[in-house]
């Protein structure tokens, strides 16, 4: 593992864009907190262009296995 370093990155997803779009103070606070390894986005941005994005796989870990929860697998 020492020869294969990891560089974690984090994304905080919160609220809707309208909650801060009209507030210069909120926008500046978000910009001040973001870094190369930490981004703040809204739920709106997750839905934009959803059809053009790859399939999102959602799974639940059960002991040593992962149970996929996507509709295609049911």
N, C-alpha and C. Protein backbone atom coordinates (compact mmCIF):
# COMPACT_ATOMS: atom_id res chain seq x y z
N UNK A 1 0.81 -1.20 0.00
CA UNK A 1 0.00 0.00 0.00
C UNK A 1 0.85 1.27 0.00
N UNK A 2 2.06 1.19 0.52
CA UNK A 2 2.92 2.38 0.56
C UNK A 2 3.32 2.83 -0.83
N UNK A 3 3.43 1.87 -1.76
CA UNK A 3 3.79 2.23 -3.13
C UNK A 3 2.60 2.71 -3.94
N UNK A 4 1.42 2.60 -3.39
CA UNK A 4 0.20 3.00 -4.09
C UNK A 4 -0.56 4.03 -3.24
N UNK A 5 -0.06 5.25 -3.17
CA UNK A 5 -0.70 6.25 -2.30
C UNK A 5 -2.09 6.64 -2.80
N UNK A 6 -2.92 7.05 -1.88
CA UNK A 6 -4.26 7.52 -2.21
C UNK A 6 -4.37 9.00 -1.88
N UNK A 7 -5.19 9.68 -2.64
CA UNK A 7 -5.43 11.10 -2.45
C UNK A 7 -6.94 11.32 -2.41
N UNK A 8 -7.53 11.24 -1.22
CA UNK A 8 -8.99 11.35 -1.13
C UNK A 8 -9.48 12.75 -1.53
N UNK A 9 -10.66 12.76 -2.11
CA UNK A 9 -11.33 14.01 -2.45
C UNK A 9 -12.74 13.91 -1.88
N UNK A 10 -13.30 15.03 -1.49
CA UNK A 10 -14.59 15.05 -0.83
C UNK A 10 -15.54 16.01 -1.53
N UNK A 11 -16.82 15.65 -1.53
CA UNK A 11 -17.87 16.50 -2.08
C UNK A 11 -18.98 16.59 -1.05
N UNK A 12 -19.34 17.80 -0.68
CA UNK A 12 -20.47 18.04 0.21
C UNK A 12 -21.65 18.44 -0.65
N UNK A 13 -22.74 17.67 -0.59
CA UNK A 13 -23.95 17.96 -1.36
C UNK A 13 -25.01 18.44 -0.38
N UNK A 14 -25.56 19.62 -0.66
CA UNK A 14 -26.55 20.17 0.25
C UNK A 14 -27.60 20.95 -0.53
N UNK A 15 -28.80 21.00 -0.01
CA UNK A 15 -29.87 21.88 -0.46
C UNK A 15 -30.05 22.09 -1.95
N UNK A 16 -30.71 23.20 -2.25
CA UNK A 16 -31.00 23.58 -3.63
C UNK A 16 -30.25 24.86 -3.97
N UNK A 17 -30.00 25.05 -5.25
CA UNK A 17 -29.26 26.22 -5.72
C UNK A 17 -29.96 27.53 -5.30
N UNK A 18 -31.27 27.53 -5.29
CA UNK A 18 -32.02 28.74 -4.94
C UNK A 18 -31.75 29.21 -3.52
N UNK A 19 -31.29 28.32 -2.66
CA UNK A 19 -31.02 28.69 -1.27
C UNK A 19 -29.86 29.66 -1.13
N UNK A 20 -28.95 29.66 -2.11
CA UNK A 20 -27.82 30.59 -2.00
C UNK A 20 -27.62 31.46 -3.24
N UNK A 21 -28.42 31.25 -4.26
CA UNK A 21 -28.24 32.00 -5.51
C UNK A 21 -28.40 33.51 -5.32
N UNK A 22 -29.28 33.91 -4.45
CA UNK A 22 -29.55 35.34 -4.24
C UNK A 22 -28.69 35.97 -3.15
N UNK A 23 -27.88 35.16 -2.48
CA UNK A 23 -27.11 35.69 -1.36
C UNK A 23 -25.61 35.73 -1.70
N UNK A 24 -25.08 36.91 -1.85
CA UNK A 24 -23.66 37.08 -2.12
C UNK A 24 -22.82 36.56 -0.95
N UNK A 25 -23.30 36.75 0.26
CA UNK A 25 -22.57 36.29 1.44
C UNK A 25 -22.44 34.77 1.43
N UNK A 26 -23.53 34.06 1.16
CA UNK A 26 -23.48 32.59 1.13
C UNK A 26 -22.56 32.10 0.01
N UNK A 27 -22.65 32.71 -1.16
CA UNK A 27 -21.79 32.30 -2.28
C UNK A 27 -20.32 32.50 -1.94
N UNK A 28 -20.01 33.62 -1.32
CA UNK A 28 -18.61 33.88 -0.98
C UNK A 28 -18.11 32.93 0.11
N UNK A 29 -18.96 32.55 1.03
CA UNK A 29 -18.56 31.60 2.07
C UNK A 29 -18.30 30.22 1.48
N UNK A 30 -19.12 29.82 0.52
CA UNK A 30 -18.92 28.53 -0.15
C UNK A 30 -17.61 28.56 -0.94
N UNK A 31 -17.38 29.63 -1.68
CA UNK A 31 -16.14 29.75 -2.45
C UNK A 31 -14.92 29.73 -1.55
N UNK A 32 -15.03 30.33 -0.37
CA UNK A 32 -13.91 30.37 0.56
C UNK A 32 -13.58 28.99 1.13
N UNK A 33 -14.55 28.12 1.23
CA UNK A 33 -14.34 26.79 1.81
C UNK A 33 -13.84 25.76 0.81
N UNK A 34 -14.10 25.98 -0.47
CA UNK A 34 -13.72 25.00 -1.48
C UNK A 34 -12.21 24.97 -1.69
N UNK A 35 -11.71 23.76 -1.95
CA UNK A 35 -10.29 23.55 -2.26
C UNK A 35 -10.22 22.53 -3.39
N UNK A 36 -9.02 22.18 -3.81
CA UNK A 36 -8.87 21.18 -4.87
C UNK A 36 -9.42 19.82 -4.44
N UNK A 37 -9.36 19.53 -3.16
CA UNK A 37 -9.81 18.23 -2.67
C UNK A 37 -11.16 18.29 -1.95
N UNK A 38 -11.83 19.44 -2.00
CA UNK A 38 -13.12 19.60 -1.31
C UNK A 38 -14.01 20.54 -2.11
N UNK A 39 -15.13 20.03 -2.62
CA UNK A 39 -16.08 20.82 -3.39
C UNK A 39 -17.43 20.82 -2.69
N UNK A 40 -18.17 21.89 -2.87
CA UNK A 40 -19.52 22.01 -2.33
C UNK A 40 -20.47 22.19 -3.51
N UNK A 41 -21.44 21.30 -3.63
CA UNK A 41 -22.41 21.36 -4.72
C UNK A 41 -23.82 21.20 -4.17
N UNK A 42 -24.80 21.47 -5.03
CA UNK A 42 -26.20 21.33 -4.63
C UNK A 42 -26.81 20.08 -5.27
N UNK A 43 -27.95 19.66 -4.77
CA UNK A 43 -28.66 18.53 -5.35
C UNK A 43 -29.08 18.84 -6.79
N UNK A 44 -29.34 20.11 -7.08
CA UNK A 44 -29.70 20.51 -8.44
C UNK A 44 -28.61 20.11 -9.44
N UNK A 45 -27.37 20.33 -9.06
CA UNK A 45 -26.27 20.03 -9.98
C UNK A 45 -26.13 18.53 -10.24
N UNK A 46 -26.58 17.70 -9.32
CA UNK A 46 -26.55 16.26 -9.54
C UNK A 46 -27.55 15.85 -10.62
N UNK A 47 -28.66 16.57 -10.69
CA UNK A 47 -29.73 16.21 -11.63
C UNK A 47 -29.53 16.80 -13.02
N UNK A 48 -28.70 17.84 -13.15
CA UNK A 48 -28.49 18.47 -14.45
C UNK A 48 -27.84 17.50 -15.43
N UNK A 49 -28.41 17.38 -16.57
CA UNK A 49 -27.86 16.51 -17.60
C UNK A 49 -27.82 15.06 -17.21
N UNK A 50 -28.75 14.63 -16.37
CA UNK A 50 -28.75 13.28 -15.84
C UNK A 50 -28.78 12.23 -16.94
N UNK A 51 -29.50 12.48 -18.01
CA UNK A 51 -29.62 11.49 -19.07
C UNK A 51 -28.32 11.34 -19.86
N UNK A 52 -27.48 12.34 -19.83
CA UNK A 52 -26.22 12.26 -20.55
C UNK A 52 -25.09 11.65 -19.73
N UNK A 53 -25.37 11.37 -18.46
CA UNK A 53 -24.33 10.84 -17.58
C UNK A 53 -24.39 9.32 -17.54
N UNK A 54 -23.36 8.72 -17.03
CA UNK A 54 -23.32 7.28 -16.88
C UNK A 54 -24.29 6.82 -15.81
N UNK A 55 -24.59 5.53 -15.82
CA UNK A 55 -25.49 4.95 -14.84
C UNK A 55 -24.86 5.03 -13.46
N UNK A 56 -25.65 5.45 -12.50
CA UNK A 56 -25.21 5.51 -11.12
C UNK A 56 -25.62 4.20 -10.44
N UNK A 57 -24.67 3.50 -9.89
CA UNK A 57 -24.95 2.24 -9.21
C UNK A 57 -25.01 2.51 -7.72
N UNK A 58 -26.09 2.06 -7.11
CA UNK A 58 -26.30 2.26 -5.68
C UNK A 58 -26.30 0.89 -5.02
N UNK A 59 -25.47 0.71 -4.03
CA UNK A 59 -25.40 -0.58 -3.37
C UNK A 59 -25.37 -0.44 -1.86
N UNK A 60 -25.74 -1.52 -1.18
CA UNK A 60 -25.71 -1.57 0.27
C UNK A 60 -24.75 -2.69 0.65
N UNK A 61 -23.82 -2.38 1.51
CA UNK A 61 -22.84 -3.39 1.91
C UNK A 61 -23.46 -4.30 2.96
N UNK A 62 -23.37 -5.60 2.71
CA UNK A 62 -23.87 -6.62 3.62
C UNK A 62 -22.73 -7.60 3.87
N UNK A 63 -22.13 -7.53 5.05
CA UNK A 63 -20.99 -8.37 5.42
C UNK A 63 -19.88 -8.20 4.37
N UNK A 64 -19.58 -9.25 3.63
CA UNK A 64 -18.51 -9.18 2.64
C UNK A 64 -19.02 -8.92 1.24
N UNK A 65 -20.31 -8.71 1.07
CA UNK A 65 -20.90 -8.56 -0.25
C UNK A 65 -21.57 -7.20 -0.41
N UNK A 66 -21.84 -6.84 -1.66
CA UNK A 66 -22.52 -5.60 -1.98
C UNK A 66 -23.82 -5.95 -2.70
N UNK A 67 -24.96 -5.55 -2.13
CA UNK A 67 -26.26 -5.76 -2.76
C UNK A 67 -26.62 -4.53 -3.58
N UNK A 68 -26.72 -4.68 -4.90
CA UNK A 68 -27.07 -3.57 -5.76
C UNK A 68 -28.56 -3.29 -5.64
N UNK A 69 -28.91 -2.00 -5.58
CA UNK A 69 -30.29 -1.59 -5.38
C UNK A 69 -30.91 -0.98 -6.64
N UNK A 70 -30.21 -1.02 -7.77
CA UNK A 70 -30.73 -0.43 -8.99
C UNK A 70 -31.94 -1.19 -9.51
N UNK A 71 -32.84 -0.49 -10.17
CA UNK A 71 -34.06 -1.08 -10.69
C UNK A 71 -33.79 -2.16 -11.73
N UNK A 72 -32.72 -2.00 -12.54
CA UNK A 72 -32.45 -2.96 -13.61
C UNK A 72 -32.20 -4.36 -13.06
N UNK A 73 -31.75 -4.44 -11.81
CA UNK A 73 -31.38 -5.73 -11.25
C UNK A 73 -32.52 -6.42 -10.52
N UNK A 74 -33.69 -5.86 -10.50
CA UNK A 74 -34.81 -6.44 -9.75
C UNK A 74 -35.71 -7.21 -10.66
